[in-house]
């Protein structure tokens, strides 16, 4: 896994109405894992939002 702690934060977000899956995370790979787990359990689509800290 990529634990690249940069000056960005990542938010896995459900696009089917659930909203944010978790809070802001320090790694894009961890955010992708959360999104994939949500898709597997709920069957929803998701995306990762990115922002500067």
PDB file of N, CA and C in Angstrom:
ATOM      1  N   UNK A   1       0.837  -1.186   0.000  1.00  0.00           N
ATOM      2  CA  UNK A   1       0.000   0.000   0.000  1.00  0.00           C
ATOM      3  C   UNK A   1       0.880   1.246   0.000  1.00  0.00           C
ATOM      4  N   UNK A   2       0.314   2.302  -0.528  1.00  0.00           N
ATOM      5  CA  UNK A   2       1.017   3.567  -0.605  1.00  0.00           C
ATOM      6  C   UNK A   2       0.614   4.432   0.585  1.00  0.00           C
ATOM      7  N   UNK A   3       1.508   4.559   1.542  1.00  0.00           N
ATOM      8  CA  UNK A   3       1.242   5.436   2.673  1.00  0.00           C
ATOM      9  C   UNK A   3       2.015   6.730   2.466  1.00  0.00           C
ATOM     10  N   UNK A   4       1.707   7.384   1.358  1.00  0.00           N
ATOM     11  CA  UNK A   4       2.389   8.607   0.969  1.00  0.00           C
ATOM     12  C   UNK A   4       1.713   9.788   1.648  1.00  0.00           C
ATOM     13  N   UNK A   5       2.288  10.223   2.753  1.00  0.00           N
ATOM     14  CA  UNK A   5       1.703  11.327   3.499  1.00  0.00           C
ATOM     15  C   UNK A   5       2.204  12.633   2.899  1.00  0.00           C
ATOM     16  N   UNK A   6       1.406  13.200   2.012  1.00  0.00           N
ATOM     17  CA  UNK A   6       1.767  14.420   1.311  1.00  0.00           C
ATOM     18  C   UNK A   6       0.997  15.589   1.905  1.00  0.00           C
ATOM     19  N   UNK A   7       0.959  16.683   1.172  1.00  0.00           N
ATOM     20  CA  UNK A   7       0.204  17.843   1.623  1.00  0.00           C
ATOM     21  C   UNK A   7      -1.246  17.785   1.149  1.00  0.00           C
ATOM     22  N   UNK A   8      -1.701  16.602   0.745  1.00  0.00           N
ATOM     23  CA  UNK A   8      -3.084  16.403   0.312  1.00  0.00           C
ATOM     24  C   UNK A   8      -3.806  15.454   1.264  1.00  0.00           C
ATOM     25  N   UNK A   9      -5.127  15.573   1.280  1.00  0.00           N
ATOM     26  CA  UNK A   9      -5.988  14.638   1.999  1.00  0.00           C
ATOM     27  C   UNK A   9      -6.990  14.085   0.998  1.00  0.00           C
ATOM     28  N   UNK A  10      -7.501  12.893   1.260  1.00  0.00           N
ATOM     29  CA  UNK A  10      -8.362  12.198   0.315  1.00  0.00           C
ATOM     30  C   UNK A  10      -9.637  11.737   1.011  1.00  0.00           C
ATOM     31  N   UNK A  11     -10.773  11.925   0.327  1.00  0.00           N
ATOM     32  CA  UNK A  11     -12.074  11.588   0.890  1.00  0.00           C
ATOM     33  C   UNK A  11     -12.801  10.628  -0.042  1.00  0.00           C
ATOM     34  N   UNK A  12     -12.998   9.375   0.385  1.00  0.00           N
ATOM     35  CA  UNK A  12     -13.817   8.474  -0.416  1.00  0.00           C
ATOM     36  C   UNK A  12     -15.278   8.899  -0.292  1.00  0.00           C
ATOM     37  N   UNK A  13     -15.934   9.098  -1.436  1.00  0.00           N
ATOM     38  CA  UNK A  13     -17.279   9.674  -1.472  1.00  0.00           C
ATOM     39  C   UNK A  13     -18.188   8.807  -2.327  1.00  0.00           C
ATOM     40  N   UNK A  14     -19.332   8.407  -1.777  1.00  0.00           N
ATOM     41  CA  UNK A  14     -20.324   7.613  -2.510  1.00  0.00           C
ATOM     42  C   UNK A  14     -21.146   8.548  -3.397  1.00  0.00           C
ATOM     43  N   UNK A  15     -21.224   8.236  -4.694  1.00  0.00           N
ATOM     44  CA  UNK A  15     -21.986   9.068  -5.627  1.00  0.00           C
ATOM     45  C   UNK A  15     -23.426   8.592  -5.778  1.00  0.00           C
ATOM     46  N   UNK A  16     -23.821   7.577  -5.022  1.00  0.00           N
ATOM     47  CA  UNK A  16     -25.190   7.062  -5.080  1.00  0.00           C
ATOM     48  C   UNK A  16     -26.038   7.525  -3.900  1.00  0.00           C
ATOM     49  N   UNK A  17     -25.597   8.562  -3.199  1.00  0.00           N
ATOM     50  CA  UNK A  17     -26.434   9.153  -2.169  1.00  0.00           C
ATOM     51  C   UNK A  17     -25.978   8.987  -0.730  1.00  0.00           C
ATOM     52  N   UNK A  18     -24.979   8.162  -0.469  1.00  0.00           N
ATOM     53  CA  UNK A  18     -24.521   7.965   0.916  1.00  0.00           C
ATOM     54  C   UNK A  18     -23.665   9.132   1.409  1.00  0.00           C
ATOM     55  N   UNK A  19     -22.998   9.835   0.506  1.00  0.00           N
ATOM     56  CA  UNK A  19     -22.111  10.922   0.892  1.00  0.00           C
ATOM     57  C   UNK A  19     -20.726  10.398   1.232  1.00  0.00           C
ATOM     58  N   UNK A  20     -20.073  11.050   2.184  1.00  0.00           N
ATOM     59  CA  UNK A  20     -18.721  10.656   2.571  1.00  0.00           C
ATOM     60  C   UNK A  20     -18.746   9.285   3.236  1.00  0.00           C
ATOM     61  N   UNK A  21     -17.838   8.421   2.815  1.00  0.00           N
ATOM     62  CA  UNK A  21     -17.763   7.064   3.364  1.00  0.00           C
ATOM     63  C   UNK A  21     -16.978   7.070   4.672  1.00  0.00           C
ATOM     64  N   UNK A  22     -15.916   7.857   4.723  1.00  0.00           N
ATOM     65  CA  UNK A  22     -15.115   8.040   5.940  1.00  0.00           C
ATOM     66  C   UNK A  22     -14.806   9.525   6.055  1.00  0.00           C
ATOM     67  N   UNK A  23     -13.947   9.866   6.986  1.00  0.00           N
ATOM     68  CA  UNK A  23     -13.437  11.227   7.046  1.00  0.00           C
ATOM     69  C   UNK A  23     -12.279  11.388   6.071  1.00  0.00           C
ATOM     70  N   UNK A  24     -11.642  12.554   6.096  1.00  0.00           N
ATOM     71  CA  UNK A  24     -10.493  12.803   5.230  1.00  0.00           C
ATOM     72  C   UNK A  24      -9.330  11.926   5.668  1.00  0.00           C
ATOM     73  N   UNK A  25      -8.669  11.292   4.700  1.00  0.00           N
ATOM     74  CA  UNK A  25      -7.590  10.350   4.976  1.00  0.00           C
ATOM     75  C   UNK A  25      -6.272  10.865   4.398  1.00  0.00           C
ATOM     76  N   UNK A  26      -5.129  10.488   4.999  1.00  0.00           N
ATOM     77  CA  UNK A  26      -3.835  10.993   4.538  1.00  0.00           C
ATOM     78  C   UNK A  26      -3.275  10.276   3.315  1.00  0.00           C
ATOM     79  N   UNK A  27      -3.882   9.187   2.875  1.00  0.00           N
ATOM     80  CA  UNK A  27      -3.338   8.406   1.764  1.00  0.00           C
ATOM     81  C   UNK A  27      -4.420   8.089   0.734  1.00  0.00           C
ATOM     82  N   UNK A  28      -4.092   8.266  -0.540  1.00  0.00           N
ATOM     83  CA  UNK A  28      -5.026   7.954  -1.621  1.00  0.00           C
ATOM     84  C   UNK A  28      -5.345   6.462  -1.644  1.00  0.00           C
ATOM     85  N   UNK A  29      -4.352   5.617  -1.377  1.00  0.00           N
ATOM     86  CA  UNK A  29      -4.568   4.163  -1.406  1.00  0.00           C
ATOM     87  C   UNK A  29      -5.541   3.718  -0.315  1.00  0.00           C
ATOM     88  N   UNK A  30      -5.441   4.297   0.861  1.00  0.00           N
ATOM     89  CA  UNK A  30      -6.370   3.965   1.945  1.00  0.00           C
ATOM     90  C   UNK A  30      -7.781   4.425   1.574  1.00  0.00           C
ATOM     91  N   UNK A  31      -7.898   5.589   0.945  1.00  0.00           N
ATOM     92  CA  UNK A  31      -9.205   6.083   0.504  1.00  0.00           C
ATOM     93  C   UNK A  31      -9.803   5.166  -0.558  1.00  0.00           C
ATOM     94  N   UNK A  32      -8.968   4.668  -1.473  1.00  0.00           N
ATOM     95  CA  UNK A  32      -9.448   3.732  -2.500  1.00  0.00           C
ATOM     96  C   UNK A  32      -9.934   2.434  -1.870  1.00  0.00           C
ATOM     97  N   UNK A  33      -9.211   1.942  -0.872  1.00  0.00           N
ATOM     98  CA  UNK A  33      -9.626   0.719  -0.165  1.00  0.00           C
ATOM     99  C   UNK A  33     -11.012   0.904   0.456  1.00  0.00           C
ATOM    100  N   UNK A  34     -11.229   2.052   1.107  1.00  0.00           N
ATOM    101  CA  UNK A  34     -12.527   2.320   1.730  1.00  0.00           C
ATOM    102  C   UNK A  34     -13.628   2.381   0.670  1.00  0.00           C
ATOM    103  N   UNK A  35     -13.343   3.008  -0.461  1.00  0.00           N
ATOM    104  CA  UNK A  35     -14.322   3.080  -1.543  1.00  0.00           C
ATOM    105  C   UNK A  35     -14.641   1.716  -2.128  1.00  0.00           C
ATOM    106  N   UNK A  36     -13.616   0.902  -2.325  1.00  0.00           N
ATOM    107  CA  UNK A  36     -13.838  -0.442  -2.871  1.00  0.00           C
ATOM    108  C   UNK A  36     -14.629  -1.309  -1.895  1.00  0.00           C
ATOM    109  N   UNK A  37     -14.341  -1.191  -0.600  1.00  0.00           N
ATOM    110  CA  UNK A  37     -15.101  -1.943   0.404  1.00  0.00           C
ATOM    111  C   UNK A  37     -16.567  -1.514   0.410  1.00  0.00           C
ATOM    112  N   UNK A  38     -16.814  -0.216   0.265  1.00  0.00           N
ATOM    113  CA  UNK A  38     -18.191   0.288   0.225  1.00  0.00           C
ATOM    114  C   UNK A  38     -18.908  -0.243  -1.018  1.00  0.00           C
ATOM    115  N   UNK A  39     -18.230  -0.223  -2.148  1.00  0.00           N
ATOM    116  CA  UNK A  39     -18.836  -0.724  -3.390  1.00  0.00           C
ATOM    117  C   UNK A  39     -19.147  -2.210  -3.287  1.00  0.00           C
ATOM    118  N   UNK A  40     -18.251  -2.952  -2.662  1.00  0.00           N
ATOM    119  CA  UNK A  40     -18.462  -4.397  -2.522  1.00  0.00           C
ATOM    120  C   UNK A  40     -19.645  -4.691  -1.599  1.00  0.00           C
ATOM    121  N   UNK A  41     -19.771  -3.948  -0.508  1.00  0.00           N
ATOM    122  CA  UNK A  41     -20.838  -4.237   0.457  1.00  0.00           C
ATOM    123  C   UNK A  41     -22.192  -3.660   0.038  1.00  0.00           C
ATOM    124  N   UNK A  42     -22.201  -2.490  -0.609  1.00  0.00           N
ATOM    125  CA  UNK A  42     -23.464  -1.819  -0.945  1.00  0.00           C
ATOM    126  C   UNK A  42     -23.802  -1.869  -2.431  1.00  0.00           C
ATOM    127  N   UNK A  43     -22.795  -2.107  -3.286  1.00  0.00           N
ATOM    128  CA  UNK A  43     -23.026  -2.076  -4.723  1.00  0.00           C
ATOM    129  C   UNK A  43     -23.132  -0.664  -5.287  1.00  0.00           C
ATOM    130  N   UNK A  44     -22.612   0.326  -4.574  1.00  0.00           N
ATOM    131  CA  UNK A  44     -22.694   1.725  -4.988  1.00  0.00           C
ATOM    132  C   UNK A  44     -21.444   2.148  -5.752  1.00  0.00           C
ATOM    133  N   UNK A  45     -21.578   3.241  -6.511  1.00  0.00           N
ATOM    134  CA  UNK A  45     -20.440   3.852  -7.188  1.00  0.00           C
ATOM    135  C   UNK A  45     -19.793   4.846  -6.227  1.00  0.00           C
ATOM    136  N   UNK A  46     -18.506   5.097  -6.417  1.00  0.00           N
ATOM    137  CA  UNK A  46     -17.789   5.986  -5.514  1.00  0.00           C
ATOM    138  C   UNK A  46     -16.687   6.709  -6.272  1.00  0.00           C
ATOM    139  N   UNK A  47     -16.132   7.727  -5.636  1.00  0.00           N
ATOM    140  CA  UNK A  47     -15.006   8.473  -6.176  1.00  0.00           C
ATOM    141  C   UNK A  47     -14.155   8.951  -5.003  1.00  0.00           C
ATOM    142  N   UNK A  48     -12.929   9.366  -5.293  1.00  0.00           N
ATOM    143  CA  UNK A  48     -12.051   9.908  -4.256  1.00  0.00           C
ATOM    144  C   UNK A  48     -11.877  11.398  -4.524  1.00  0.00           C
ATOM    145  N   UNK A  49     -12.249  12.208  -3.553  1.00  0.00           N
ATOM    146  CA  UNK A  49     -12.032  13.653  -3.635  1.00  0.00           C
ATOM    147  C   UNK A  49     -10.682  13.973  -3.012  1.00  0.00           C
ATOM    148  N   UNK A  50     -10.058  15.032  -3.503  1.00  0.00           N
ATOM    149  CA  UNK A  50      -8.721  15.408  -3.045  1.00  0.00           C
ATOM    150  C   UNK A  50      -8.723  16.889  -2.684  1.00  0.00           C
ATOM    151  N   UNK A  51      -8.026  17.235  -1.591  1.00  0.00           N
ATOM    152  CA  UNK A  51      -7.879  18.640  -1.214  1.00  0.00           C
ATOM    153  C   UNK A  51      -6.508  18.853  -0.594  1.00  0.00           C
ATOM    154  N   UNK A  52      -6.076  20.098  -0.614  1.00  0.00           N
ATOM    155  CA  UNK A  52      -4.838  20.475   0.061  1.00  0.00           C
ATOM    156  C   UNK A  52      -5.121  20.576   1.556  1.00  0.00           C
ATOM    157  N   UNK A  53      -4.125  20.214   2.370  1.00  0.00           N
ATOM    158  CA  UNK A  53      -4.287  20.325   3.826  1.00  0.00           C
ATOM    159  C   UNK A  53      -4.269  21.770   4.241  1.00  0.00           C
TER     160      UNK A  53
END
